Amino acid sequence: MPEGGYKIRNQNAIYFITFSVVEWVDVFSRAEYKHIFLDCMKHSLSESGLSLHAWVLMTNHFHGVMSAKEGHSLSDTLRDLKKYSAVNILNAIEKNERESRQEWMLEIFQRAGRANSRNTKYQFWIQDNHPKECFGREFTEQKINYIHNNPVRAEIVGRPEDYLYSSAIDYAGGKGLLSIDFLW
């Protein structure tokens, strides 16, 4: 780990980023919440200067290889993405009368929110993004392979490109759910 912990030190660099739901709650086992997060990602890609090079959304976390476009701060963009997506997903959970886990999930998010003075009511994402700067091609390719093989290791699919919520299909020559800025 770099001295001083994991931080985005170079706002113009490419980073491997992880967003994790507090207490690893499997929020994204429901398609509705996955699509809310993807809509928030699309907004960040089109309006907030985010570049996405690889990604996967699992049941309780997101991995991405990301950077900020010129004139934008990666730290600020990620902060805004996490805040915007948390608000929208939490609102959907609160309003979802068919959500059998509603009370349980909201209690966890409320407890996490009370434990953090930066929150007013809930905390959805763990604050740390665990950023790792992608210094070279070999390291970056390793992280992209790690991302794409996440659903295979979880035994959700047999091949990375068969998982809908990932950029593996883009790397296999298809078109995925989010726009990818290929590095090579």
N, C-alpha and C. Protein backbone atom coordinates (compact mmCIF):
# COMPACT_ATOMS: atom_id res chain seq x y z
N MET A 1 0.86 -1.17 0.00
CA MET A 1 0.00 0.00 0.00
C MET A 1 0.90 1.23 0.00
N PRO A 2 0.53 2.25 -0.78
CA PRO A 2 1.35 3.45 -0.81
C PRO A 2 1.35 4.14 0.55
N GLU A 3 2.40 4.91 0.78
CA GLU A 3 2.48 5.66 2.02
C GLU A 3 1.28 6.60 2.13
N GLY A 4 0.66 6.66 3.30
CA GLY A 4 -0.50 7.53 3.49
C GLY A 4 -1.81 6.89 3.09
N GLY A 5 -1.81 5.59 2.76
CA GLY A 5 -3.05 4.91 2.43
C GLY A 5 -3.40 5.01 0.97
N TYR A 6 -4.56 4.45 0.64
CA TYR A 6 -5.04 4.47 -0.74
C TYR A 6 -5.71 5.81 -1.01
N LYS A 7 -5.16 6.56 -1.96
CA LYS A 7 -5.71 7.86 -2.33
C LYS A 7 -5.51 8.08 -3.81
N ILE A 8 -6.36 8.88 -4.38
CA ILE A 8 -6.17 9.30 -5.76
C ILE A 8 -5.25 10.51 -5.71
N ARG A 9 -4.00 10.28 -6.01
CA ARG A 9 -3.00 11.33 -5.93
C ARG A 9 -2.85 12.08 -7.25
N ASN A 10 -3.02 11.39 -8.34
CA ASN A 10 -2.89 11.98 -9.66
C ASN A 10 -4.27 11.96 -10.32
N GLN A 11 -4.91 13.11 -10.39
CA GLN A 11 -6.28 13.20 -10.90
C GLN A 11 -6.38 12.89 -12.40
N ASN A 12 -5.23 12.86 -13.09
CA ASN A 12 -5.22 12.58 -14.53
C ASN A 12 -4.83 11.15 -14.86
N ALA A 13 -4.59 10.34 -13.85
CA ALA A 13 -4.16 8.95 -14.07
C ALA A 13 -5.36 8.02 -14.20
N ILE A 14 -5.07 6.81 -14.61
CA ILE A 14 -6.07 5.74 -14.70
C ILE A 14 -5.97 4.93 -13.41
N TYR A 15 -7.14 4.61 -12.83
CA TYR A 15 -7.19 3.89 -11.56
C TYR A 15 -8.10 2.69 -11.63
N PHE A 16 -7.73 1.67 -10.87
CA PHE A 16 -8.61 0.55 -10.55
C PHE A 16 -9.35 0.97 -9.29
N ILE A 17 -10.67 0.98 -9.35
CA ILE A 17 -11.53 1.50 -8.27
C ILE A 17 -12.52 0.42 -7.84
N THR A 18 -12.82 0.39 -6.56
CA THR A 18 -13.86 -0.51 -6.05
C THR A 18 -14.84 0.29 -5.22
N PHE A 19 -16.12 0.14 -5.50
CA PHE A 19 -17.19 0.66 -4.64
C PHE A 19 -17.83 -0.57 -3.99
N SER A 20 -17.94 -0.57 -2.68
CA SER A 20 -18.58 -1.68 -1.97
C SER A 20 -19.76 -1.17 -1.16
N VAL A 21 -20.85 -1.91 -1.19
CA VAL A 21 -22.03 -1.58 -0.39
C VAL A 21 -21.70 -1.88 1.08
N VAL A 22 -22.15 -1.01 1.99
CA VAL A 22 -21.87 -1.25 3.41
C VAL A 22 -22.35 -2.64 3.81
N GLU A 23 -21.57 -3.26 4.66
CA GLU A 23 -21.83 -4.62 5.15
C GLU A 23 -22.07 -5.63 4.02
N TRP A 24 -21.59 -5.31 2.85
CA TRP A 24 -21.68 -6.20 1.68
C TRP A 24 -23.11 -6.67 1.41
N VAL A 25 -24.08 -5.78 1.63
CA VAL A 25 -25.49 -6.10 1.37
C VAL A 25 -25.66 -6.34 -0.13
N ASP A 26 -26.31 -7.42 -0.49
CA ASP A 26 -26.50 -7.81 -1.89
C ASP A 26 -27.64 -7.02 -2.56
N VAL A 27 -27.49 -5.72 -2.60
CA VAL A 27 -28.52 -4.85 -3.19
C VAL A 27 -28.68 -5.15 -4.67
N PHE A 28 -27.57 -5.40 -5.36
CA PHE A 28 -27.61 -5.55 -6.81
C PHE A 28 -27.98 -6.96 -7.26
N SER A 29 -28.61 -7.71 -6.38
CA SER A 29 -29.21 -8.97 -6.80
C SER A 29 -30.56 -8.68 -7.48
N ARG A 30 -31.04 -7.46 -7.37
CA ARG A 30 -32.29 -7.02 -8.02
C ARG A 30 -31.94 -6.16 -9.24
N ALA A 31 -32.52 -6.49 -10.39
CA ALA A 31 -32.25 -5.77 -11.64
C ALA A 31 -32.60 -4.28 -11.52
N GLU A 32 -33.66 -3.96 -10.81
CA GLU A 32 -34.08 -2.56 -10.67
C GLU A 32 -32.94 -1.69 -10.13
N TYR A 33 -32.26 -2.16 -9.11
CA TYR A 33 -31.19 -1.38 -8.49
C TYR A 33 -29.95 -1.35 -9.37
N LYS A 34 -29.70 -2.43 -10.11
CA LYS A 34 -28.58 -2.44 -11.05
C LYS A 34 -28.78 -1.35 -12.10
N HIS A 35 -30.00 -1.26 -12.61
CA HIS A 35 -30.26 -0.30 -13.68
C HIS A 35 -30.22 1.14 -13.17
N ILE A 36 -30.59 1.36 -11.94
CA ILE A 36 -30.44 2.70 -11.37
C ILE A 36 -28.96 3.07 -11.32
N PHE A 37 -28.12 2.15 -10.85
CA PHE A 37 -26.68 2.42 -10.82
C PHE A 37 -26.14 2.67 -12.23
N LEU A 38 -26.55 1.86 -13.18
CA LEU A 38 -26.08 2.04 -14.56
C LEU A 38 -26.52 3.39 -15.12
N ASP A 39 -27.73 3.83 -14.81
CA ASP A 39 -28.19 5.15 -15.24
C ASP A 39 -27.32 6.25 -14.63
N CYS A 40 -26.94 6.09 -13.38
CA CYS A 40 -26.06 7.06 -12.73
C CYS A 40 -24.68 7.05 -13.39
N MET A 41 -24.20 5.87 -13.75
CA MET A 41 -22.92 5.77 -14.45
C MET A 41 -23.01 6.47 -15.81
N LYS A 42 -24.09 6.23 -16.53
CA LYS A 42 -24.26 6.87 -17.85
C LYS A 42 -24.23 8.39 -17.72
N HIS A 43 -24.86 8.90 -16.68
CA HIS A 43 -24.84 10.34 -16.43
C HIS A 43 -23.41 10.82 -16.19
N SER A 44 -22.67 10.11 -15.36
CA SER A 44 -21.28 10.50 -15.08
C SER A 44 -20.42 10.42 -16.33
N LEU A 45 -20.68 9.45 -17.18
CA LEU A 45 -19.90 9.30 -18.41
C LEU A 45 -20.20 10.43 -19.39
N SER A 46 -21.44 10.86 -19.45
CA SER A 46 -21.81 11.88 -20.43
C SER A 46 -21.69 13.31 -19.91
N GLU A 47 -21.86 13.51 -18.61
CA GLU A 47 -21.94 14.87 -18.07
C GLU A 47 -20.85 15.25 -17.08
N SER A 48 -20.15 14.27 -16.51
CA SER A 48 -19.25 14.60 -15.40
C SER A 48 -17.78 14.31 -15.68
N GLY A 49 -17.44 14.03 -16.92
CA GLY A 49 -16.04 13.86 -17.27
C GLY A 49 -15.43 12.53 -16.89
N LEU A 50 -16.24 11.51 -16.67
CA LEU A 50 -15.72 10.20 -16.32
C LEU A 50 -15.42 9.40 -17.58
N SER A 51 -14.30 8.71 -17.60
CA SER A 51 -13.96 7.75 -18.64
C SER A 51 -13.92 6.37 -18.01
N LEU A 52 -14.61 5.44 -18.63
CA LEU A 52 -14.69 4.08 -18.12
C LEU A 52 -13.97 3.16 -19.10
N HIS A 53 -12.98 2.43 -18.59
CA HIS A 53 -12.17 1.57 -19.44
C HIS A 53 -12.51 0.10 -19.27
N ALA A 54 -13.02 -0.28 -18.12
CA ALA A 54 -13.48 -1.65 -17.85
C ALA A 54 -14.33 -1.59 -16.58
N TRP A 55 -15.29 -2.53 -16.46
CA TRP A 55 -16.17 -2.51 -15.29
C TRP A 55 -16.88 -3.84 -15.10
N VAL A 56 -17.33 -4.02 -13.87
CA VAL A 56 -18.24 -5.11 -13.53
C VAL A 56 -19.06 -4.68 -12.32
N LEU A 57 -20.34 -5.00 -12.35
CA LEU A 57 -21.23 -4.76 -11.22
C LEU A 57 -21.66 -6.12 -10.69
N MET A 58 -21.25 -6.40 -9.46
CA MET A 58 -21.61 -7.66 -8.81
C MET A 58 -22.77 -7.37 -7.85
N THR A 59 -23.18 -8.35 -7.04
CA THR A 59 -24.36 -8.18 -6.18
C THR A 59 -24.15 -7.14 -5.08
N ASN A 60 -22.91 -6.90 -4.68
CA ASN A 60 -22.67 -5.98 -3.56
C ASN A 60 -21.46 -5.08 -3.76
N HIS A 61 -20.92 -5.06 -4.95
CA HIS A 61 -19.79 -4.17 -5.22
C HIS A 61 -19.63 -3.92 -6.72
N PHE A 62 -18.84 -2.91 -7.01
CA PHE A 62 -18.54 -2.50 -8.38
C PHE A 62 -17.03 -2.36 -8.50
N HIS A 63 -16.47 -2.86 -9.57
CA HIS A 63 -15.06 -2.62 -9.89
C HIS A 63 -15.00 -1.88 -11.22
N GLY A 64 -14.09 -0.94 -11.31
CA GLY A 64 -13.89 -0.25 -12.58
C GLY A 64 -12.44 0.17 -12.76
N VAL A 65 -12.03 0.21 -14.01
CA VAL A 65 -10.79 0.89 -14.39
C VAL A 65 -11.28 2.19 -15.02
N MET A 66 -10.91 3.31 -14.38
CA MET A 66 -11.52 4.59 -14.71
C MET A 66 -10.48 5.71 -14.70
N SER A 67 -10.86 6.79 -15.38
CA SER A 67 -10.05 8.00 -15.35
C SER A 67 -10.99 9.18 -15.56
N ALA A 68 -10.45 10.38 -15.36
CA ALA A 68 -11.24 11.59 -15.60
C ALA A 68 -10.75 12.25 -16.88
N LYS A 69 -11.68 12.80 -17.62
CA LYS A 69 -11.32 13.54 -18.83
C LYS A 69 -10.64 14.84 -18.43
N GLU A 70 -9.93 15.41 -19.37
CA GLU A 70 -9.18 16.64 -19.11
C GLU A 70 -10.11 17.72 -18.54
N GLY A 71 -9.62 18.40 -17.51
CA GLY A 71 -10.40 19.46 -16.87
C GLY A 71 -11.31 18.98 -15.77
N HIS A 72 -11.29 17.69 -15.48
CA HIS A 72 -12.14 17.11 -14.43
C HIS A 72 -11.28 16.44 -13.38
N SER A 73 -11.81 16.35 -12.18
CA SER A 73 -11.15 15.69 -11.07
C SER A 73 -11.78 14.32 -10.88
N LEU A 74 -10.95 13.28 -10.91
CA LEU A 74 -11.48 11.93 -10.70
C LEU A 74 -12.08 11.79 -9.31
N SER A 75 -11.41 12.35 -8.31
CA SER A 75 -11.95 12.27 -6.94
C SER A 75 -13.33 12.89 -6.85
N ASP A 76 -13.49 14.08 -7.41
CA ASP A 76 -14.79 14.77 -7.36
C ASP A 76 -15.86 14.01 -8.14
N THR A 77 -15.48 13.50 -9.29
CA THR A 77 -16.43 12.76 -10.13
C THR A 77 -16.92 11.49 -9.42
N LEU A 78 -15.99 10.77 -8.81
CA LEU A 78 -16.37 9.54 -8.10
C LEU A 78 -17.21 9.85 -6.87
N ARG A 79 -16.85 10.90 -6.15
CA ARG A 79 -17.64 11.31 -4.98
C ARG A 79 -19.08 11.61 -5.41
N ASP A 80 -19.22 12.37 -6.48
CA ASP A 80 -20.56 12.73 -6.95
C ASP A 80 -21.33 11.52 -7.46
N LEU A 81 -20.65 10.61 -8.15
CA LEU A 81 -21.29 9.39 -8.63
C LEU A 81 -21.80 8.55 -7.47
N LYS A 82 -20.97 8.38 -6.46
CA LYS A 82 -21.38 7.57 -5.31
C LYS A 82 -22.55 8.23 -4.57
N LYS A 83 -22.50 9.53 -4.41
CA LYS A 83 -23.58 10.23 -3.71
C LYS A 83 -24.89 10.14 -4.51
N TYR A 84 -24.81 10.45 -5.79
CA TYR A 84 -25.99 10.43 -6.66
C TYR A 84 -26.60 9.04 -6.75
N SER A 85 -25.75 8.02 -6.93
CA SER A 85 -26.28 6.66 -7.03
C SER A 85 -26.86 6.20 -5.70
N ALA A 86 -26.21 6.54 -4.58
CA ALA A 86 -26.73 6.14 -3.27
C ALA A 86 -28.11 6.74 -3.03
N VAL A 87 -28.27 8.02 -3.29
CA VAL A 87 -29.57 8.68 -3.08
C VAL A 87 -30.65 8.00 -3.92
N ASN A 88 -30.35 7.75 -5.18
CA ASN A 88 -31.35 7.16 -6.07
C ASN A 88 -31.68 5.71 -5.71
N ILE A 89 -30.69 4.93 -5.35
CA ILE A 89 -30.94 3.53 -4.97
C ILE A 89 -31.70 3.47 -3.65
N LEU A 90 -31.29 4.28 -2.68
CA LEU A 90 -31.99 4.30 -1.39
C LEU A 90 -33.45 4.74 -1.55
N ASN A 91 -33.70 5.75 -2.38
CA ASN A 91 -35.08 6.17 -2.65
C ASN A 91 -35.89 5.03 -3.25
N ALA A 92 -35.29 4.29 -4.16
CA ALA A 92 -35.98 3.16 -4.79
C ALA A 92 -36.29 2.07 -3.77
N ILE A 93 -35.34 1.80 -2.89
CA ILE A 93 -35.58 0.78 -1.85
C ILE A 93 -36.71 1.22 -0.93
N GLU A 94 -36.69 2.50 -0.51
CA GLU A 94 -37.73 3.02 0.38
C GLU A 94 -39.12 2.94 -0.26
N LYS A 95 -39.20 3.15 -1.57
CA LYS A 95 -40.50 3.19 -2.26
C LYS A 95 -40.95 1.84 -2.79
N ASN A 96 -40.08 0.84 -2.74
CA ASN A 96 -40.38 -0.46 -3.33
C ASN A 96 -41.19 -1.32 -2.34
N GLU A 97 -42.50 -1.33 -2.53
CA GLU A 97 -43.39 -2.09 -1.65
C GLU A 97 -43.22 -3.60 -1.81
N ARG A 98 -42.62 -4.03 -2.91
CA ARG A 98 -42.41 -5.46 -3.16
C ARG A 98 -41.05 -5.95 -2.64
N GLU A 99 -40.25 -5.04 -2.10
CA GLU A 99 -38.90 -5.40 -1.64
C GLU A 99 -38.99 -6.12 -0.30
N SER A 100 -38.79 -7.43 -0.32
CA SER A 100 -38.91 -8.23 0.90
C SER A 100 -37.80 -7.92 1.91
N ARG A 101 -36.70 -7.34 1.46
CA ARG A 101 -35.57 -7.05 2.34
C ARG A 101 -35.52 -5.58 2.75
N GLN A 102 -36.55 -4.83 2.43
CA GLN A 102 -36.57 -3.39 2.61
C GLN A 102 -36.21 -2.97 4.04
N GLU A 103 -36.93 -3.44 5.01
CA GLU A 103 -36.71 -3.04 6.39
C GLU A 103 -35.29 -3.40 6.85
N TRP A 104 -34.87 -4.60 6.53
CA TRP A 104 -33.54 -5.08 6.91
C TRP A 104 -32.43 -4.23 6.29
N MET A 105 -32.54 -3.97 4.98
CA MET A 105 -31.51 -3.18 4.30
C MET A 105 -31.47 -1.75 4.83
N LEU A 106 -32.63 -1.12 4.95
CA LEU A 106 -32.66 0.26 5.41
C LEU A 106 -32.12 0.39 6.83
N GLU A 107 -32.36 -0.60 7.66
CA GLU A 107 -31.82 -0.59 9.02
C GLU A 107 -30.29 -0.63 8.99
N ILE A 108 -29.72 -1.45 8.13
CA ILE A 108 -28.26 -1.53 8.00
C ILE A 108 -27.71 -0.19 7.50
N PHE A 109 -28.33 0.38 6.48
CA PHE A 109 -27.85 1.64 5.92
C PHE A 109 -28.01 2.80 6.92
N GLN A 110 -29.08 2.74 7.70
CA GLN A 110 -29.30 3.78 8.72
C GLN A 110 -28.27 3.65 9.84
N ARG A 111 -28.00 2.45 10.28
CA ARG A 111 -27.00 2.23 11.33
C ARG A 111 -25.61 2.72 10.86
N ALA A 112 -25.28 2.41 9.62
CA ALA A 112 -24.00 2.87 9.05
C ALA A 112 -23.98 4.40 8.94
N GLY A 113 -25.12 4.98 8.60
CA GLY A 113 -25.21 6.44 8.50
C GLY A 113 -25.03 7.13 9.84
N ARG A 114 -25.61 6.55 10.88
CA ARG A 114 -25.46 7.13 12.23
C ARG A 114 -24.02 7.06 12.71
N ALA A 115 -23.29 6.07 12.27
CA ALA A 115 -21.90 5.88 12.70
C ALA A 115 -20.93 6.80 11.95
N ASN A 116 -21.44 7.52 10.97
CA ASN A 116 -20.59 8.39 10.16
C ASN A 116 -21.15 9.81 10.19
N SER A 117 -20.40 10.74 10.74
CA SER A 117 -20.87 12.11 10.90
C SER A 117 -21.07 12.84 9.57
N ARG A 118 -20.57 12.28 8.47
CA ARG A 118 -20.75 12.91 7.15
C ARG A 118 -22.13 12.67 6.56
N ASN A 119 -22.91 11.79 7.17
CA ASN A 119 -24.23 11.42 6.65
C ASN A 119 -25.33 12.04 7.48
N THR A 120 -26.47 12.25 6.82
CA THR A 120 -27.63 12.76 7.55
C THR A 120 -28.59 11.64 7.95
N LYS A 121 -28.70 10.61 7.10
CA LYS A 121 -29.65 9.54 7.40
C LYS A 121 -29.06 8.15 7.13
N TYR A 122 -28.63 7.93 5.92
CA TYR A 122 -28.15 6.62 5.51
C TYR A 122 -26.72 6.70 4.98
N GLN A 123 -26.06 5.55 4.99
CA GLN A 123 -24.83 5.38 4.24
C GLN A 123 -24.99 4.13 3.42
N PHE A 124 -24.82 4.26 2.11
CA PHE A 124 -24.99 3.14 1.18
C PHE A 124 -23.65 2.52 0.81
N TRP A 125 -22.72 3.35 0.36
CA TRP A 125 -21.41 2.87 -0.05
C TRP A 125 -20.40 3.00 1.09
N ILE A 126 -19.48 2.06 1.19
CA ILE A 126 -18.32 2.23 2.06
C ILE A 126 -17.54 3.41 1.49
N GLN A 127 -17.01 4.25 2.35
CA GLN A 127 -16.39 5.49 1.87
C GLN A 127 -15.15 5.26 1.02
N ASP A 128 -14.34 4.31 1.33
CA ASP A 128 -13.09 4.10 0.61
C ASP A 128 -13.34 3.48 -0.76
N ASN A 129 -12.68 4.01 -1.78
CA ASN A 129 -12.76 3.45 -3.14
C ASN A 129 -11.62 2.48 -3.41
N HIS A 130 -10.70 2.39 -2.48
CA HIS A 130 -9.51 1.53 -2.60
C HIS A 130 -8.82 1.74 -3.95
N PRO A 131 -8.53 3.00 -4.33
CA PRO A 131 -7.95 3.25 -5.65
C PRO A 131 -6.52 2.73 -5.77
N LYS A 132 -6.24 2.13 -6.91
CA LYS A 132 -4.88 1.68 -7.23
C LYS A 132 -4.54 2.24 -8.60
N GLU A 133 -3.53 3.07 -8.65
CA GLU A 133 -3.14 3.66 -9.92
C GLU A 133 -2.61 2.59 -10.86
N CYS A 134 -3.05 2.66 -12.09
CA CYS A 134 -2.62 1.72 -13.13
C CYS A 134 -1.38 2.29 -13.81
N PHE A 135 -0.21 1.95 -13.28
CA PHE A 135 1.05 2.51 -13.74
C PHE A 135 1.48 2.01 -15.10
N GLY A 136 1.18 0.80 -15.43
CA GLY A 136 1.65 0.25 -16.70
C GLY A 136 0.63 -0.67 -17.32
N ARG A 137 0.90 -1.08 -18.54
CA ARG A 137 -0.02 -1.93 -19.29
C ARG A 137 -0.23 -3.28 -18.61
N GLU A 138 0.84 -3.90 -18.12
CA GLU A 138 0.72 -5.22 -17.50
C GLU A 138 -0.20 -5.19 -16.28
N PHE A 139 0.00 -4.21 -15.40
CA PHE A 139 -0.84 -4.07 -14.21
C PHE A 139 -2.28 -3.79 -14.61
N THR A 140 -2.47 -2.90 -15.58
CA THR A 140 -3.82 -2.53 -16.02
C THR A 140 -4.54 -3.72 -16.63
N GLU A 141 -3.85 -4.49 -17.47
CA GLU A 141 -4.46 -5.68 -18.05
C GLU A 141 -4.81 -6.71 -16.98
N GLN A 142 -3.95 -6.83 -15.96
CA GLN A 142 -4.24 -7.74 -14.85
C GLN A 142 -5.55 -7.32 -14.17
N LYS A 143 -5.72 -6.02 -13.91
CA LYS A 143 -6.94 -5.53 -13.26
C LYS A 143 -8.17 -5.72 -14.15
N ILE A 144 -8.03 -5.48 -15.44
CA ILE A 144 -9.15 -5.69 -16.37
C ILE A 144 -9.55 -7.16 -16.38
N ASN A 145 -8.57 -8.07 -16.43
CA ASN A 145 -8.88 -9.50 -16.38
C ASN A 145 -9.53 -9.88 -15.05
N TYR A 146 -9.04 -9.31 -13.96
CA TYR A 146 -9.65 -9.55 -12.65
C TYR A 146 -11.12 -9.12 -12.66
N ILE A 147 -11.38 -7.93 -13.17
CA ILE A 147 -12.74 -7.40 -13.26
C ILE A 147 -13.62 -8.35 -14.06
N HIS A 148 -13.17 -8.70 -15.26
CA HIS A 148 -14.00 -9.51 -16.15
C HIS A 148 -14.21 -10.93 -15.66
N ASN A 149 -13.28 -11.44 -14.88
CA ASN A 149 -13.42 -12.81 -14.37
C ASN A 149 -14.17 -12.88 -13.04
N ASN A 150 -14.54 -11.74 -12.46
CA ASN A 150 -15.28 -11.73 -11.20
C ASN A 150 -16.54 -12.59 -11.26
N PRO A 151 -17.41 -12.45 -12.26
CA PRO A 151 -18.62 -13.28 -12.32
C PRO A 151 -18.33 -14.76 -12.59
N VAL A 152 -17.20 -15.05 -13.22
CA VAL A 152 -16.81 -16.45 -13.44
C VAL A 152 -16.38 -17.06 -12.11
N ARG A 153 -15.57 -16.33 -11.35
CA ARG A 153 -15.14 -16.83 -10.03
C ARG A 153 -16.33 -17.01 -9.09
N ALA A 154 -17.36 -16.16 -9.25
CA ALA A 154 -18.57 -16.27 -8.42
C ALA A 154 -19.53 -17.34 -8.94
N GLU A 155 -19.14 -18.00 -10.03
CA GLU A 155 -19.93 -19.06 -10.65
C GLU A 155 -21.31 -18.59 -11.11
N ILE A 156 -21.35 -17.34 -11.59
CA ILE A 156 -22.59 -16.80 -12.16
C ILE A 156 -22.66 -17.15 -13.65
N VAL A 157 -21.51 -17.10 -14.32
CA VAL A 157 -21.40 -17.44 -15.74
C VAL A 157 -20.16 -18.30 -15.95
N GLY A 158 -20.11 -18.95 -17.09
CA GLY A 158 -18.95 -19.77 -17.42
C GLY A 158 -17.87 -18.99 -18.15
N ARG A 159 -18.29 -17.94 -18.87
CA ARG A 159 -17.35 -17.11 -19.63
C ARG A 159 -17.61 -15.64 -19.30
N PRO A 160 -16.56 -14.84 -19.16
CA PRO A 160 -16.74 -13.43 -18.78
C PRO A 160 -17.70 -12.68 -19.70
N GLU A 161 -17.62 -12.89 -20.99
CA GLU A 161 -18.44 -12.13 -21.94
C GLU A 161 -19.92 -12.49 -21.87
N ASP A 162 -20.29 -13.50 -21.10
CA ASP A 162 -21.70 -13.87 -20.94
C ASP A 162 -22.39 -13.11 -19.81
N TYR A 163 -21.63 -12.35 -19.03
CA TYR A 163 -22.20 -11.60 -17.92
C TYR A 163 -22.64 -10.23 -18.42
N LEU A 164 -23.91 -9.93 -18.28
CA LEU A 164 -24.51 -8.71 -18.82
C LEU A 164 -23.95 -7.44 -18.19
N TYR A 165 -23.64 -7.47 -16.90
CA TYR A 165 -23.26 -6.26 -16.16
C TYR A 165 -21.75 -6.13 -16.07
N SER A 166 -21.12 -6.08 -17.24
CA SER A 166 -19.67 -6.05 -17.32
C SER A 166 -19.25 -5.54 -18.69
N SER A 167 -18.01 -5.09 -18.78
CA SER A 167 -17.47 -4.67 -20.07
C SER A 167 -16.80 -5.82 -20.81
N ALA A 168 -16.84 -7.03 -20.27
CA ALA A 168 -16.19 -8.18 -20.93
C ALA A 168 -16.74 -8.38 -22.34
N ILE A 169 -18.03 -8.14 -22.53
CA ILE A 169 -18.62 -8.29 -23.87
C ILE A 169 -17.99 -7.29 -24.85
N ASP A 170 -17.69 -6.09 -24.38
CA ASP A 170 -17.05 -5.08 -25.24
C ASP A 170 -15.67 -5.57 -25.67
N TYR A 171 -14.93 -6.14 -24.73
CA TYR A 171 -13.58 -6.63 -25.02
C TYR A 171 -13.61 -7.88 -25.90
N ALA A 172 -14.77 -8.54 -25.96
CA ALA A 172 -14.92 -9.72 -26.82
C ALA A 172 -15.47 -9.33 -28.20
N GLY A 173 -15.63 -8.02 -28.45
CA GLY A 173 -16.09 -7.54 -29.75
C GLY A 173 -17.56 -7.19 -29.84
N GLY A 174 -18.29 -7.32 -28.74
CA GLY A 174 -19.72 -6.98 -28.72
C GLY A 174 -19.95 -5.58 -28.18
N LYS A 175 -21.20 -5.29 -27.84
CA LYS A 175 -21.56 -3.99 -27.29
C LYS A 175 -22.26 -4.20 -25.96
N GLY A 176 -21.66 -3.66 -24.90
CA GLY A 176 -22.21 -3.80 -23.56
C GLY A 176 -23.16 -2.67 -23.19
N LEU A 177 -23.52 -2.62 -21.93
CA LEU A 177 -24.51 -1.67 -21.43
C LEU A 177 -23.97 -0.26 -21.20
N LEU A 178 -22.66 -0.11 -21.04
CA LEU A 178 -22.05 1.19 -20.82
C LEU A 178 -20.99 1.45 -21.89
N SER A 179 -20.76 2.72 -22.19
CA SER A 179 -19.74 3.09 -23.18
C SER A 179 -18.35 2.93 -22.58
N ILE A 180 -17.50 2.27 -23.32
CA ILE A 180 -16.14 1.99 -22.88
C ILE A 180 -15.15 2.83 -23.69
N ASP A 181 -14.17 3.39 -23.02
CA ASP A 181 -13.04 4.04 -23.67
C ASP A 181 -11.87 3.07 -23.58
N PHE A 182 -11.63 2.35 -24.69
CA PHE A 182 -10.55 1.37 -24.69
C PHE A 182 -9.21 2.06 -24.55
N LEU A 183 -8.32 1.44 -23.82
CA LEU A 183 -6.99 1.99 -23.61
C LEU A 183 -6.04 1.63 -24.74
N TRP A 184 -6.25 0.46 -25.37
CA TRP A 184 -5.37 0.00 -26.45
C TRP A 184 -6.18 -0.51 -27.60
